[in-house]
Amino acid sequence: MKPALLATALTFTLAALCGVADARQPLHLVSDAQLAQMGQDEFAKMKATQKMSTDTRQQAAVACVVNSLRAVLPAPYSSQQWEARVFVDDTPNAFALPGGKVGVNTGMFKVVQSQDELAAVLGHEMGHIVARHTNERVSRQLLTQTGVQLLGAVASHHASAATTRGLVNVAGAGGQLFFLLPNSRTQEAEADALGQRYMAQAGFDPARAVTLWQHMDSISKSRPPQFLSTHPNPANRLHDLSASAPALQPVAAAARRAGRNPKCF
């Protein structure tokens, strides 16, 4: 294959992937029921292989926040049973899996300073589930792999093995940089917005989402540039959360008047 033709094939593959990314149309190639079962299986494996905290106060706080947030989620997420567990791990991290599973590391309690900040963390993670981001990530990964494999198959008939490997490597890197990473950053921003709204609707203080990420940023030693990261730039994230907090304060106040006034810590 001539260099110009190789370049055209590579450009076409990356353009196709990026076109889907730019459209920001949710791509769901996997059944939600299948993902839910996978999430439940993975959580069961984690409980069997990882040490769980015996701190009853931490466990109760996480369960309280999860249940408070669950009550304001849209159907069917508000009616399903959510399971929350605290794992012994110094890394300040939390996650939610399809199938209604939530995990929090003990290290997160060294960062969050209130029930509201814990609600910001868990609202964000549960927001990923409601927005079906796991399905979208898995689907886009499958699409990227298929595109790269097709390019490799075509190139292998017209170019040397070394050229084919080079094309596949470049296409894989391009798909990651221009297709998967921007989508992940968009999902993170969506989860921020959803989580902050959910915490306000549940009666938590939405302004604490800002202080949470200030704490998280202060313990981060280094990070890649935003265009090479799956997460938004901290300054951009703080700006967006700060801008949306004032409009959500009346939502939180109305929730408390309606009786949604969590006491989780």
Protein backbone atom coordinates (compact mmCIF):
# COMPACT_ATOMS: atom_id res chain seq x y z
CA MET A 1 0.00 0.00 0.00
CA LYS A 2 1.32 3.43 -0.94
CA PRO A 3 2.07 5.85 1.91
CA ALA A 4 -0.63 8.24 0.73
CA LEU A 5 -3.21 5.45 0.70
CA LEU A 6 -2.09 4.30 4.15
CA ALA A 7 -2.47 7.82 5.46
CA THR A 8 -5.93 8.08 3.93
CA ALA A 9 -7.03 4.81 5.56
CA LEU A 10 -5.68 5.91 8.93
CA THR A 11 -7.30 9.34 8.65
CA PHE A 12 -10.63 7.78 7.71
CA THR A 13 -10.53 5.44 10.72
CA LEU A 14 -9.74 8.23 13.18
CA ALA A 15 -12.24 10.60 11.58
CA ALA A 16 -14.98 8.00 11.89
CA LEU A 17 -14.22 7.48 15.56
CA CYS A 18 -13.95 11.17 16.30
CA GLY A 19 -17.16 11.86 14.41
CA VAL A 20 -19.06 9.64 16.82
CA ALA A 21 -17.34 11.32 19.77
CA ASP A 22 -18.18 14.82 18.51
CA ALA A 23 -21.81 13.87 18.03
CA ARG A 24 -21.98 12.99 21.74
CA GLN A 25 -24.66 10.44 21.04
CA PRO A 26 -24.80 7.78 23.76
CA LEU A 27 -23.62 4.47 22.37
CA HIS A 28 -25.08 1.44 24.13
CA LEU A 29 -24.03 -1.84 22.51
CA VAL A 30 -24.31 -3.97 25.65
CA SER A 31 -27.48 -4.93 27.49
CA ASP A 32 -27.99 -3.10 30.79
CA ALA A 33 -29.07 -6.38 32.38
CA GLN A 34 -25.78 -7.97 31.36
CA LEU A 35 -23.79 -5.06 32.78
CA ALA A 36 -25.80 -5.20 36.02
CA GLN A 37 -24.97 -8.87 36.41
CA MET A 38 -21.31 -8.16 35.70
CA GLY A 39 -21.32 -5.40 38.32
CA GLN A 40 -22.92 -7.64 40.91
CA ASP A 41 -20.46 -10.45 40.17
CA GLU A 42 -17.49 -8.11 40.41
CA PHE A 43 -18.73 -6.66 43.71
CA ALA A 44 -19.20 -10.15 45.15
CA LYS A 45 -15.62 -10.97 44.11
CA MET A 46 -14.33 -7.80 45.78
CA LYS A 47 -16.12 -8.62 49.04
CA ALA A 48 -14.62 -12.11 48.97
CA THR A 49 -11.05 -11.02 48.22
CA GLN A 50 -10.62 -7.56 49.77
CA LYS A 51 -10.68 -6.62 53.42
CA MET A 52 -13.81 -4.77 54.48
CA SER A 53 -13.86 -2.17 57.22
CA THR A 54 -15.18 -3.10 60.65
CA ASP A 55 -15.76 0.57 61.49
CA THR A 56 -19.52 0.61 62.01
CA ARG A 57 -19.70 4.41 61.94
CA GLN A 58 -18.08 4.60 58.52
CA GLN A 59 -20.32 1.86 57.17
CA ALA A 60 -23.44 3.49 58.61
CA ALA A 61 -22.46 6.89 57.18
CA VAL A 62 -21.97 5.47 53.68
CA ALA A 63 -25.25 3.53 53.83
CA CYS A 64 -27.09 6.63 55.05
CA VAL A 65 -25.74 8.83 52.25
CA VAL A 66 -26.42 6.19 49.58
CA ASN A 67 -30.00 5.70 50.78
CA SER A 68 -30.60 9.45 50.94
CA LEU A 69 -29.36 9.87 47.37
CA ARG A 70 -31.19 6.77 46.10
CA ALA A 71 -34.51 8.28 47.19
CA VAL A 72 -34.16 11.16 44.70
CA LEU A 73 -32.83 9.20 41.72
CA PRO A 74 -35.07 8.72 38.69
CA ALA A 75 -36.76 5.36 38.15
CA PRO A 76 -35.77 2.57 38.07
CA TYR A 77 -32.71 3.51 40.14
CA SER A 78 -34.76 4.95 43.00
CA SER A 79 -36.65 1.69 43.50
CA GLN A 80 -33.80 -0.78 43.25
CA GLN A 81 -31.87 -1.93 46.29
CA TRP A 82 -28.40 -0.41 46.57
CA GLU A 83 -25.64 -2.16 48.49
CA ALA A 84 -22.79 -0.13 49.97
CA ARG A 85 -19.57 -1.38 51.55
CA VAL A 86 -16.44 0.23 52.97
CA PHE A 87 -13.15 -1.39 51.93
CA VAL A 88 -9.87 -1.10 53.83
CA ASP A 89 -7.67 0.85 51.43
CA ASP A 90 -5.78 4.08 52.09
CA THR A 91 -6.41 5.35 48.55
CA PRO A 92 -9.07 8.08 48.69
CA ASN A 93 -11.47 6.55 46.21
CA ALA A 94 -15.10 5.52 45.76
CA PHE A 95 -16.98 3.81 42.96
CA ALA A 96 -20.39 2.63 41.85
CA LEU A 97 -21.07 -0.41 39.69
CA PRO A 98 -24.08 -1.31 37.56
CA GLY A 99 -26.50 -3.39 39.56
CA GLY A 100 -26.68 -0.96 42.49
CA LYS A 101 -23.29 -1.52 44.12
CA VAL A 102 -21.26 1.20 45.86
CA GLY A 103 -17.81 0.93 47.37
CA VAL A 104 -15.87 3.47 49.44
CA ASN A 105 -12.25 3.14 50.53
CA THR A 106 -11.36 3.96 54.12
CA GLY A 107 -8.88 6.49 52.69
CA MET A 108 -11.78 8.63 51.53
CA PHE A 109 -12.63 9.40 55.14
CA LYS A 110 -9.26 11.18 55.43
CA VAL A 111 -10.42 13.59 52.73
CA VAL A 112 -14.15 14.19 53.25
CA GLN A 113 -14.89 16.45 56.19
CA SER A 114 -18.68 16.26 56.30
CA GLN A 115 -21.65 14.20 55.21
CA ASP A 116 -22.16 16.72 52.41
CA GLU A 117 -18.73 16.09 50.95
CA LEU A 118 -19.31 12.34 51.12
CA ALA A 119 -22.62 12.95 49.34
CA ALA A 120 -20.72 14.85 46.62
CA VAL A 121 -18.46 11.83 46.09
CA LEU A 122 -21.24 9.27 46.05
CA GLY A 123 -23.66 11.47 44.10
CA HIS A 124 -20.99 11.72 41.40
CA GLU A 125 -20.46 7.95 41.32
CA MET A 126 -24.17 7.16 41.31
CA GLY A 127 -24.60 9.77 38.59
CA HIS A 128 -22.35 7.67 36.36
CA ILE A 129 -24.74 4.76 36.81
CA VAL A 130 -27.90 6.76 36.13
CA ALA A 131 -26.32 8.25 32.98
CA ARG A 132 -25.36 4.72 31.86
CA HIS A 133 -21.75 5.77 31.44
CA THR A 134 -20.44 2.25 32.01
CA ASN A 135 -22.42 0.99 29.04
CA GLU A 136 -21.17 3.87 26.94
CA ARG A 137 -17.54 3.31 27.93
CA VAL A 138 -17.69 -0.41 27.22
CA SER A 139 -19.46 0.21 23.90
CA ARG A 140 -16.98 2.83 22.74
CA GLN A 141 -14.07 0.60 23.71
CA LEU A 142 -15.58 -2.19 21.62
CA LEU A 143 -16.09 0.18 18.70
CA THR A 144 -12.53 1.47 18.90
CA GLN A 145 -11.08 -2.04 19.04
CA THR A 146 -13.19 -3.10 16.07
CA GLY A 147 -12.08 -0.09 14.02
CA VAL A 148 -8.41 -0.69 14.75
CA GLN A 149 -8.74 -4.41 13.98
CA LEU A 150 -10.43 -3.65 10.65
CA LEU A 151 -7.67 -1.21 9.74
CA GLY A 152 -5.07 -3.85 10.59
CA ALA A 153 -6.83 -6.49 8.53
CA VAL A 154 -7.01 -4.22 5.47
CA ALA A 155 -3.44 -3.00 5.82
CA SER A 156 -2.05 -6.53 6.25
CA HIS A 157 -3.07 -7.35 2.67
CA HIS A 158 -1.34 -4.33 1.17
CA ALA A 159 1.61 -3.47 3.41
CA SER A 160 4.48 -5.09 5.27
CA ALA A 161 4.04 -6.50 8.75
CA ALA A 162 6.08 -3.62 10.19
CA THR A 163 3.96 -1.00 8.43
CA THR A 164 0.77 -2.73 9.54
CA ARG A 165 1.94 -2.78 13.16
CA GLY A 166 2.80 0.89 12.94
CA LEU A 167 -0.62 1.75 11.54
CA VAL A 168 -2.43 -0.25 14.19
CA ASN A 169 -0.37 1.37 16.96
CA VAL A 170 -1.02 4.88 15.63
CA ALA A 171 -4.72 4.18 15.15
CA GLY A 172 -4.99 2.75 18.67
CA ALA A 173 -3.26 5.77 20.17
CA GLY A 174 -5.37 8.13 18.08
CA GLY A 175 -8.57 6.40 19.14
CA GLN A 176 -7.54 6.72 22.77
CA LEU A 177 -6.53 10.36 22.48
CA PHE A 178 -9.33 11.68 20.29
CA PHE A 179 -12.21 9.31 20.99
CA LEU A 180 -12.04 7.63 24.41
CA LEU A 181 -10.38 10.29 26.57
CA PRO A 182 -12.60 13.23 25.56
CA ASN A 183 -15.66 11.06 26.09
CA SER A 184 -14.43 10.13 29.57
CA ARG A 185 -13.92 13.79 30.44
CA THR A 186 -17.43 14.59 29.22
CA GLN A 187 -18.83 11.78 31.34
CA GLU A 188 -16.98 13.07 34.40
CA ALA A 189 -18.45 16.54 33.89
CA GLU A 190 -21.93 15.03 33.47
CA ALA A 191 -21.50 12.99 36.64
CA ASP A 192 -20.39 16.13 38.50
CA ALA A 193 -23.54 17.97 37.43
CA LEU A 194 -25.86 15.05 38.18
CA GLY A 195 -24.23 14.31 41.53
CA GLN A 196 -24.42 17.92 42.68
CA ARG A 197 -28.13 18.08 41.73
CA TYR A 198 -28.88 14.78 43.45
CA MET A 199 -27.17 15.88 46.66
CA ALA A 200 -29.20 19.10 46.67
CA GLN A 201 -32.45 17.23 46.05
CA ALA A 202 -31.57 14.92 48.93
CA GLY A 203 -31.05 17.85 51.32
CA PHE A 204 -27.26 18.04 51.29
CA ASP A 205 -25.36 21.29 50.74
CA PRO A 206 -24.39 21.51 47.02
CA ALA A 207 -21.60 23.98 47.81
CA ARG A 208 -19.73 21.16 49.54
CA ALA A 209 -19.07 19.60 46.13
CA VAL A 210 -16.67 22.49 45.59
CA THR A 211 -14.80 22.02 48.87
CA LEU A 212 -14.61 18.28 48.24
CA TRP A 213 -12.70 18.75 44.99
CA GLN A 214 -10.54 21.41 46.60
CA HIS A 215 -9.52 18.78 49.17
CA MET A 216 -8.98 16.18 46.44
CA ASP A 217 -6.87 18.60 44.41
CA SER A 218 -4.72 19.44 47.42
CA ILE A 219 -3.66 15.80 47.86
CA SER A 220 -2.96 15.21 44.18
CA LYS A 221 0.80 15.21 43.60
CA SER A 222 0.81 15.31 39.79
CA ARG A 223 -1.54 15.00 36.87
CA PRO A 224 -1.32 14.94 33.07
CA PRO A 225 -2.59 17.81 30.91
CA GLN A 226 -6.38 17.81 30.56
CA PHE A 227 -6.26 16.58 26.94
CA LEU A 228 -4.38 13.49 28.13
CA SER A 229 -6.57 12.87 31.14
CA THR A 230 -9.85 11.07 31.66
CA HIS A 231 -10.89 13.70 34.21
CA PRO A 232 -11.57 17.42 33.79
CA ASN A 233 -8.91 19.89 34.78
CA PRO A 234 -9.42 20.64 38.51
CA ALA A 235 -9.74 24.38 37.86
CA ASN A 236 -12.43 23.76 35.24
CA ARG A 237 -14.26 21.34 37.52
CA LEU A 238 -14.21 23.77 40.44
CA HIS A 239 -15.40 26.60 38.21
CA ASP A 240 -18.38 24.60 36.96
CA LEU A 241 -19.39 23.32 40.39
CA SER A 242 -19.01 26.78 41.94
CA ALA A 243 -21.14 28.31 39.20
CA SER A 244 -23.99 25.83 39.65
CA ALA A 245 -24.06 25.72 43.46
CA PRO A 246 -26.02 28.98 44.11
CA ALA A 247 -28.95 27.92 41.91
CA LEU A 248 -29.10 24.58 43.71
CA GLN A 249 -29.27 26.08 47.21
CA PRO A 250 -33.06 26.71 46.93
CA VAL A 251 -33.43 23.09 45.80
CA ALA A 252 -31.62 21.89 48.92
CA ALA A 253 -33.67 24.23 51.13
CA ALA A 254 -36.92 22.94 49.63
CA ALA A 255 -35.77 19.36 50.20
CA ARG A 256 -35.13 20.06 53.88
CA ARG A 257 -38.53 21.69 54.27
CA ALA A 258 -40.04 18.56 52.74
CA GLY A 259 -38.36 16.43 55.39
CA ARG A 260 -35.25 15.35 53.51
CA ASN A 261 -32.70 16.41 56.11
CA PRO A 262 -30.01 13.69 56.33
CA LYS A 263 -28.08 13.09 59.54
CA CYS A 264 -25.40 10.68 58.35
CA PHE A 265 -22.37 11.78 60.39
